[in-house]
Amino acid sequence: MWSEEALMEALTPVSDPELGISIVDLGLVYGFNIDNNDVTVKMTLTSPACPLGAEIMNDVKNTLEQLPFIKKVDVELVWSPRWDPRTMASEDARMELGIF
C-alpha cells in the first residue's frame, strides 16, 4: 500500500511547464484516493484556461504508473477549493513566483 507522502514525493519532479515549478510545490495536488493498487489523484491547475493542463495531467498519470504495485492511475481535475498560491504553494514556490 502506498502512502500519500510517498505519492507526493514521486510527483515532485512533475512541473508546470509554463512556470517551471513542481506541481507539488505549487500546491496543485490536493490528495489521493488509494484503493489497493489503484490510485486516483485529485488535483487542480493554476487556471481553468491552462493551455498545458492535459500535458500536466498526463505527466502525473505516467509518473505514478511507473511505481511498482500501482496498476491503475486516474487523475481527477477539481476546481474546489480554488487554487491560491499565497496559501497553497510552498515558501520556495512563492519566492519563485514573487509572492512574499
Protein backbone atom coordinates (compact mmCIF):
# COMPACT_ATOMS: atom_id res chain seq x y z
CA MET A 1 0.00 0.00 0.00
CA TRP A 2 1.25 3.45 -0.89
CA SER A 3 1.12 6.40 1.45
CA GLU A 4 0.09 9.89 0.34
CA GLU A 5 3.54 11.12 1.35
CA ALA A 6 5.25 8.61 -0.96
CA LEU A 7 2.96 9.56 -3.84
CA MET A 8 3.61 13.28 -3.27
CA GLU A 9 7.33 12.61 -3.27
CA ALA A 10 7.02 10.67 -6.53
CA LEU A 11 5.20 13.62 -8.12
CA THR A 12 7.74 16.23 -7.04
CA PRO A 13 9.64 16.09 -10.38
CA VAL A 14 6.45 16.88 -12.33
CA SER A 15 6.42 20.59 -13.04
CA ASP A 16 4.13 23.15 -14.55
CA PRO A 17 5.81 23.67 -17.94
CA GLU A 18 4.95 27.37 -18.06
CA LEU A 19 6.25 28.14 -14.57
CA GLY A 20 8.99 25.53 -14.28
CA ILE A 21 7.94 24.81 -10.69
CA SER A 22 6.91 21.44 -9.25
CA ILE A 23 3.16 20.87 -9.10
CA VAL A 24 3.66 19.62 -5.54
CA ASP A 25 5.45 22.83 -4.53
CA LEU A 26 2.74 24.86 -6.24
CA GLY A 27 0.12 23.06 -4.16
CA LEU A 28 -1.77 21.75 -7.19
CA VAL A 29 -2.07 18.21 -5.84
CA TYR A 30 -4.91 18.13 -3.33
CA GLY A 31 -4.80 14.46 -2.37
CA PHE A 32 -5.26 10.84 -3.32
CA ASN A 33 -7.76 8.05 -3.08
CA ILE A 34 -5.85 4.79 -2.75
CA ASP A 35 -7.73 1.54 -3.33
CA ASN A 36 -5.40 -1.45 -3.24
CA ASN A 37 -3.24 -0.94 -6.35
CA ASP A 38 -5.41 1.77 -7.90
CA VAL A 39 -4.81 5.47 -7.27
CA THR A 40 -6.96 8.50 -8.02
CA VAL A 41 -5.15 11.81 -7.86
CA LYS A 42 -7.20 14.89 -7.00
CA MET A 43 -5.53 17.96 -8.41
CA THR A 44 -6.16 21.35 -9.90
CA LEU A 45 -4.41 23.67 -12.31
CA THR A 46 -3.22 27.24 -11.91
CA SER A 47 -6.10 28.35 -14.13
CA PRO A 48 -9.15 26.72 -15.73
CA ALA A 49 -7.79 28.03 -19.04
CA CYS A 50 -4.35 26.44 -18.54
CA PRO A 51 -3.21 25.54 -22.07
CA LEU A 52 -0.96 22.73 -20.81
CA GLY A 53 -3.42 21.13 -18.39
CA ALA A 54 -3.72 17.92 -20.39
CA GLU A 55 0.08 17.62 -20.55
CA ILE A 56 0.44 18.10 -16.78
CA MET A 57 -2.29 15.55 -16.04
CA ASN A 58 -0.67 13.07 -18.44
CA ASP A 59 2.71 13.58 -16.72
CA VAL A 60 1.08 12.86 -13.34
CA LYS A 61 -0.52 9.67 -14.66
CA ASN A 62 2.66 8.46 -16.38
CA THR A 63 4.84 9.22 -13.35
CA LEU A 64 2.66 7.27 -10.93
CA GLU A 65 2.19 4.37 -13.34
CA GLN A 66 5.96 3.84 -13.20
CA LEU A 67 5.79 2.99 -9.50
CA PRO A 68 5.80 -0.70 -8.63
CA PHE A 69 2.49 -2.19 -7.47
CA ILE A 70 0.38 0.60 -8.94
CA LYS A 71 -1.87 -0.86 -11.59
CA LYS A 72 -4.22 1.99 -12.46
CA VAL A 73 -4.00 5.76 -12.11
CA ASP A 74 -6.85 8.19 -12.66
CA VAL A 75 -6.40 11.94 -12.48
CA GLU A 76 -9.43 13.85 -11.25
CA LEU A 77 -9.35 17.55 -12.04
CA VAL A 78 -11.10 19.59 -9.35
CA TRP A 79 -11.72 23.31 -9.01
CA SER A 80 -12.71 23.44 -5.37
CA PRO A 81 -11.04 24.73 -3.39
CA ARG A 82 -9.80 27.30 -5.86
CA TRP A 83 -6.03 27.32 -6.12
CA ASP A 84 -4.43 30.22 -4.28
CA PRO A 85 -0.62 30.36 -4.45
CA ARG A 86 -0.48 32.65 -1.41
CA THR A 87 -1.75 29.85 0.83
CA MET A 88 -1.22 26.62 -1.13
CA ALA A 89 2.25 26.97 -2.64
CA SER A 90 5.39 26.19 -0.67
CA GLU A 91 7.56 29.03 0.56
CA ASP A 92 10.15 28.30 -2.15
CA ALA A 93 7.46 28.34 -4.88
CA ARG A 94 6.05 31.61 -3.55
CA MET A 95 9.53 33.14 -3.67
CA GLU A 96 9.98 31.99 -7.29
CA LEU A 97 6.58 33.47 -8.16
CA GLY A 98 7.45 36.74 -6.44
CA ILE A 99 4.84 36.33 -3.71
CA PHE A 100 6.27 37.48 -0.39
